[in-house]
Amino acid sequence: MKISGIAHTAFNVADIHRSLEFYCGGLGLEKLFELQLGDGRTICYLKLSERDFIELFYGGSAKGGANAGSYEHFCLEVEDIRQVEAELKEKGIAYDGPPSQGLDGNFQLWTTDPDGNRIEFMQYGAHPLQFPEKAGQ
């Protein structure tokens, strides 16, 4: 499996306005888009650099268990999500189910580390929301 880098890190936040002021107003990050999750929560996507992002989850309650704090998950960018699935299966590493397409148009596969920390593997789709310049291609 070839991992290209950390695509994004995600945090649960209590006050999105305060968080946007810090990340955008204070640190100069760019707000790209928001996605409604359907469980009362929203994801706000922030651009850190050309291929690095931060997700802020807000509204509603965070899921219980390991994700109840500010950490939500981190995401590893991969070139071939099906290859990742095959390698995890071969190595006996449990994962949540087959790859699926997320709300942002990208393909994802989820697992946890031995301490229960959530890890997402993501293959960018043809027209990812993270790269609006590719939308017309």
C-alpha atoms as a PDB file:
ATOM      1  CA  MET A   1       0.000   0.000   0.000  1.00  0.00           C
ATOM      2  CA  LYS A   2       1.340   3.419  -0.920  1.00  0.00           C
ATOM      3  CA  ILE A   3       0.343   6.281   1.385  1.00  0.00           C
ATOM      4  CA  SER A   4       0.869   9.716  -0.187  1.00  0.00           C
ATOM      5  CA  GLY A   5       0.452  11.782   2.957  1.00  0.00           C
ATOM      6  CA  ILE A   6      -1.993  12.952   5.595  1.00  0.00           C
ATOM      7  CA  ALA A   7      -4.945  14.321   3.612  1.00  0.00           C
ATOM      8  CA  HIS A   8      -6.672  15.848   6.629  1.00  0.00           C
ATOM      9  CA  THR A   9      -6.981  15.802  10.393  1.00  0.00           C
ATOM     10  CA  ALA A  10     -10.433  16.207  11.922  1.00  0.00           C
ATOM     11  CA  PHE A  11     -11.497  17.757  15.212  1.00  0.00           C
ATOM     12  CA  ASN A  12     -14.800  18.104  17.044  1.00  0.00           C
ATOM     13  CA  VAL A  13     -15.316  21.745  18.007  1.00  0.00           C
ATOM     14  CA  ALA A  14     -17.775  23.297  20.449  1.00  0.00           C
ATOM     15  CA  ASP A  15     -18.083  26.730  18.817  1.00  0.00           C
ATOM     16  CA  ILE A  16     -17.576  26.898  15.036  1.00  0.00           C
ATOM     17  CA  HIS A  17     -17.419  30.708  15.009  1.00  0.00           C
ATOM     18  CA  ARG A  18     -14.617  30.732  17.582  1.00  0.00           C
ATOM     19  CA  SER A  19     -12.801  27.953  15.671  1.00  0.00           C
ATOM     20  CA  LEU A  20     -13.127  29.743  12.312  1.00  0.00           C
ATOM     21  CA  GLU A  21     -11.839  32.951  13.864  1.00  0.00           C
ATOM     22  CA  PHE A  22      -8.811  31.043  15.164  1.00  0.00           C
ATOM     23  CA  TYR A  23      -8.041  28.947  12.072  1.00  0.00           C
ATOM     24  CA  CYS A  24      -9.066  31.413   9.345  1.00  0.00           C
ATOM     25  CA  GLY A  25      -8.807  34.813  11.009  1.00  0.00           C
ATOM     26  CA  GLY A  26      -5.793  33.996  13.168  1.00  0.00           C
ATOM     27  CA  LEU A  27      -3.848  31.382  11.209  1.00  0.00           C
ATOM     28  CA  GLY A  28      -4.917  32.442   7.716  1.00  0.00           C
ATOM     29  CA  LEU A  29      -6.483  29.162   6.566  1.00  0.00           C
ATOM     30  CA  GLU A  30      -9.163  29.283   3.878  1.00  0.00           C
ATOM     31  CA  LYS A  31     -12.687  27.938   4.486  1.00  0.00           C
ATOM     32  CA  LEU A  32     -13.529  25.762   1.471  1.00  0.00           C
ATOM     33  CA  PHE A  33     -16.960  24.190   2.045  1.00  0.00           C
ATOM     34  CA  GLU A  34     -19.356  22.609   4.535  1.00  0.00           C
ATOM     35  CA  LEU A  35     -21.116  19.237   4.441  1.00  0.00           C
ATOM     36  CA  GLN A  36     -24.243  18.290   6.404  1.00  0.00           C
ATOM     37  CA  LEU A  37     -23.843  14.812   7.941  1.00  0.00           C
ATOM     38  CA  GLY A  38     -27.530  14.172   8.599  1.00  0.00           C
ATOM     39  CA  ASP A  39     -27.003  13.468  12.308  1.00  0.00           C
ATOM     40  CA  GLY A  40     -27.173  17.138  13.293  1.00  0.00           C
ATOM     41  CA  ARG A  41     -23.457  17.674  12.718  1.00  0.00           C
ATOM     42  CA  THR A  42     -21.701  19.635  10.008  1.00  0.00           C
ATOM     43  CA  ILE A  43     -18.172  19.334   8.640  1.00  0.00           C
ATOM     44  CA  CYS A  44     -16.375  22.556   7.792  1.00  0.00           C
ATOM     45  CA  TYR A  45     -13.389  21.985   5.484  1.00  0.00           C
ATOM     46  CA  LEU A  46     -10.378  24.297   5.818  1.00  0.00           C
ATOM     47  CA  LYS A  47      -7.462  24.489   3.381  1.00  0.00           C
ATOM     48  CA  LEU A  48      -4.072  24.282   5.090  1.00  0.00           C
ATOM     49  CA  SER A  49      -1.955  23.951   1.922  1.00  0.00           C
ATOM     50  CA  GLU A  50      -2.418  22.683  -1.636  1.00  0.00           C
ATOM     51  CA  ARG A  51      -3.064  19.054  -0.537  1.00  0.00           C
ATOM     52  CA  ASP A  52      -3.523  19.359   3.251  1.00  0.00           C
ATOM     53  CA  PHE A  53      -6.786  20.105   5.023  1.00  0.00           C
ATOM     54  CA  ILE A  54      -8.404  20.340   8.451  1.00  0.00           C
ATOM     55  CA  GLU A  55     -11.989  19.215   9.071  1.00  0.00           C
ATOM     56  CA  LEU A  56     -13.971  20.828  11.877  1.00  0.00           C
ATOM     57  CA  PHE A  57     -17.012  18.822  13.045  1.00  0.00           C
ATOM     58  CA  TYR A  58     -19.655  20.888  14.830  1.00  0.00           C
ATOM     59  CA  GLY A  59     -23.312  20.880  15.864  1.00  0.00           C
ATOM     60  CA  GLY A  60     -24.986  17.980  17.612  1.00  0.00           C
ATOM     61  CA  SER A  61     -23.099  15.575  19.808  1.00  0.00           C
ATOM     62  CA  ALA A  62     -19.910  13.798  18.872  1.00  0.00           C
ATOM     63  CA  LYS A  63     -20.225  10.061  18.710  1.00  0.00           C
ATOM     64  CA  GLY A  64     -19.395   8.369  21.991  1.00  0.00           C
ATOM     65  CA  GLY A  65     -16.369   6.259  22.753  1.00  0.00           C
ATOM     66  CA  ALA A  66     -12.913   7.124  21.503  1.00  0.00           C
ATOM     67  CA  ASN A  67     -14.153  10.101  19.437  1.00  0.00           C
ATOM     68  CA  ALA A  68     -15.928  11.920  22.285  1.00  0.00           C
ATOM     69  CA  GLY A  69     -13.053  14.410  22.716  1.00  0.00           C
ATOM     70  CA  SER A  70     -11.772  16.968  20.254  1.00  0.00           C
ATOM     71  CA  TYR A  71      -9.983  14.386  18.075  1.00  0.00           C
ATOM     72  CA  GLU A  72     -12.265  12.936  15.392  1.00  0.00           C
ATOM     73  CA  HIS A  73      -9.908  11.097  13.001  1.00  0.00           C
ATOM     74  CA  PHE A  74      -6.965  11.535  10.686  1.00  0.00           C
ATOM     75  CA  CYS A  75      -7.015  10.667   7.017  1.00  0.00           C
ATOM     76  CA  LEU A  76      -4.295   9.105   4.900  1.00  0.00           C
ATOM     77  CA  GLU A  77      -4.337   9.850   1.178  1.00  0.00           C
ATOM     78  CA  VAL A  78      -3.895   6.751  -0.988  1.00  0.00           C
ATOM     79  CA  GLU A  79      -3.814   6.156  -4.742  1.00  0.00           C
ATOM     80  CA  ASP A  80      -5.841   2.918  -4.851  1.00  0.00           C
ATOM     81  CA  ILE A  81      -8.493   2.345  -2.185  1.00  0.00           C
ATOM     82  CA  ARG A  82      -9.191  -1.212  -3.404  1.00  0.00           C
ATOM     83  CA  GLN A  83      -5.512  -2.100  -3.019  1.00  0.00           C
ATOM     84  CA  VAL A  84      -5.605  -0.761   0.545  1.00  0.00           C
ATOM     85  CA  GLU A  85      -8.629  -2.940   1.287  1.00  0.00           C
ATOM     86  CA  ALA A  86      -6.857  -6.018  -0.138  1.00  0.00           C
ATOM     87  CA  GLU A  87      -3.711  -5.353   1.898  1.00  0.00           C
ATOM     88  CA  LEU A  88      -5.608  -4.767   5.136  1.00  0.00           C
ATOM     89  CA  LYS A  89      -7.510  -8.017   4.561  1.00  0.00           C
ATOM     90  CA  GLU A  90      -4.284  -9.886   3.758  1.00  0.00           C
ATOM     91  CA  LYS A  91      -2.610  -8.574   6.929  1.00  0.00           C
ATOM     92  CA  GLY A  92      -5.613  -9.396   9.115  1.00  0.00           C
ATOM     93  CA  ILE A  93      -6.311  -5.754   9.979  1.00  0.00           C
ATOM     94  CA  ALA A  94      -9.994  -5.196  10.709  1.00  0.00           C
ATOM     95  CA  TYR A  95     -11.816  -2.417   8.869  1.00  0.00           C
ATOM     96  CA  ASP A  96     -15.383  -1.101   8.918  1.00  0.00           C
ATOM     97  CA  GLY A  97     -16.558  -2.398   5.542  1.00  0.00           C
ATOM     98  CA  PRO A  98     -15.860  -2.043   1.844  1.00  0.00           C
ATOM     99  CA  PRO A  99     -14.764   1.290   0.381  1.00  0.00           C
ATOM    100  CA  SER A 100     -17.578   3.772  -0.082  1.00  0.00           C
ATOM    101  CA  GLN A 101     -18.000   7.171  -1.674  1.00  0.00           C
ATOM    102  CA  GLY A 102     -18.255  10.037   0.804  1.00  0.00           C
ATOM    103  CA  LEU A 103     -20.296  13.230   0.578  1.00  0.00           C
ATOM    104  CA  ASP A 104     -17.261  15.011  -0.851  1.00  0.00           C
ATOM    105  CA  GLY A 105     -17.106  12.592  -3.817  1.00  0.00           C
ATOM    106  CA  ASN A 106     -14.009  10.766  -2.584  1.00  0.00           C
ATOM    107  CA  PHE A 107     -13.628   7.083  -1.784  1.00  0.00           C
ATOM    108  CA  GLN A 108     -12.994   6.084   1.807  1.00  0.00           C
ATOM    109  CA  LEU A 109     -12.205   3.086   3.959  1.00  0.00           C
ATOM    110  CA  TRP A 110     -12.121   3.180   7.763  1.00  0.00           C
ATOM    111  CA  THR A 111     -10.190   1.327  10.457  1.00  0.00           C
ATOM    112  CA  THR A 112      -9.003   1.943  14.028  1.00  0.00           C
ATOM    113  CA  ASP A 113      -5.588   1.632  15.590  1.00  0.00           C
ATOM    114  CA  PRO A 114      -5.084  -0.663  18.611  1.00  0.00           C
ATOM    115  CA  ASP A 115      -6.131   2.171  20.956  1.00  0.00           C
ATOM    116  CA  GLY A 116      -9.390   2.833  19.107  1.00  0.00           C
ATOM    117  CA  ASN A 117      -8.245   5.957  17.227  1.00  0.00           C
ATOM    118  CA  ARG A 118     -10.147   6.316  13.952  1.00  0.00           C
ATOM    119  CA  ILE A 119      -8.150   6.306  10.692  1.00  0.00           C
ATOM    120  CA  GLU A 120      -9.606   7.027   7.271  1.00  0.00           C
ATOM    121  CA  PHE A 121      -7.931   5.988   4.022  1.00  0.00           C
ATOM    122  CA  MET A 122      -9.068   8.216   1.162  1.00  0.00           C
ATOM    123  CA  GLN A 123      -8.670   8.117  -2.604  1.00  0.00           C
ATOM    124  CA  TYR A 124      -9.661  11.395  -4.227  1.00  0.00           C
ATOM    125  CA  GLY A 125     -12.516  11.067  -6.720  1.00  0.00           C
ATOM    126  CA  ALA A 126     -12.695  12.582 -10.202  1.00  0.00           C
ATOM    127  CA  HIS A 127     -14.148  15.907  -9.000  1.00  0.00           C
ATOM    128  CA  PRO A 128     -13.206  16.341  -5.325  1.00  0.00           C
ATOM    129  CA  LEU A 129     -14.661  19.311  -3.490  1.00  0.00           C
ATOM    130  CA  GLN A 130     -11.192  19.906  -2.019  1.00  0.00           C
ATOM    131  CA  PHE A 131      -9.907  20.880  -5.485  1.00  0.00           C
ATOM    132  CA  PRO A 132     -12.598  23.081  -7.085  1.00  0.00           C
ATOM    133  CA  GLU A 133     -10.312  23.867 -10.035  1.00  0.00           C
ATOM    134  CA  LYS A 134     -10.828  20.227 -11.172  1.00  0.00           C
ATOM    135  CA  ALA A 135     -14.622  20.523 -11.104  1.00  0.00           C
ATOM    136  CA  GLY A 136     -14.897  21.377 -14.790  1.00  0.00           C
ATOM    137  CA  GLN A 137     -12.488  18.709 -16.014  1.00  0.00           C
END
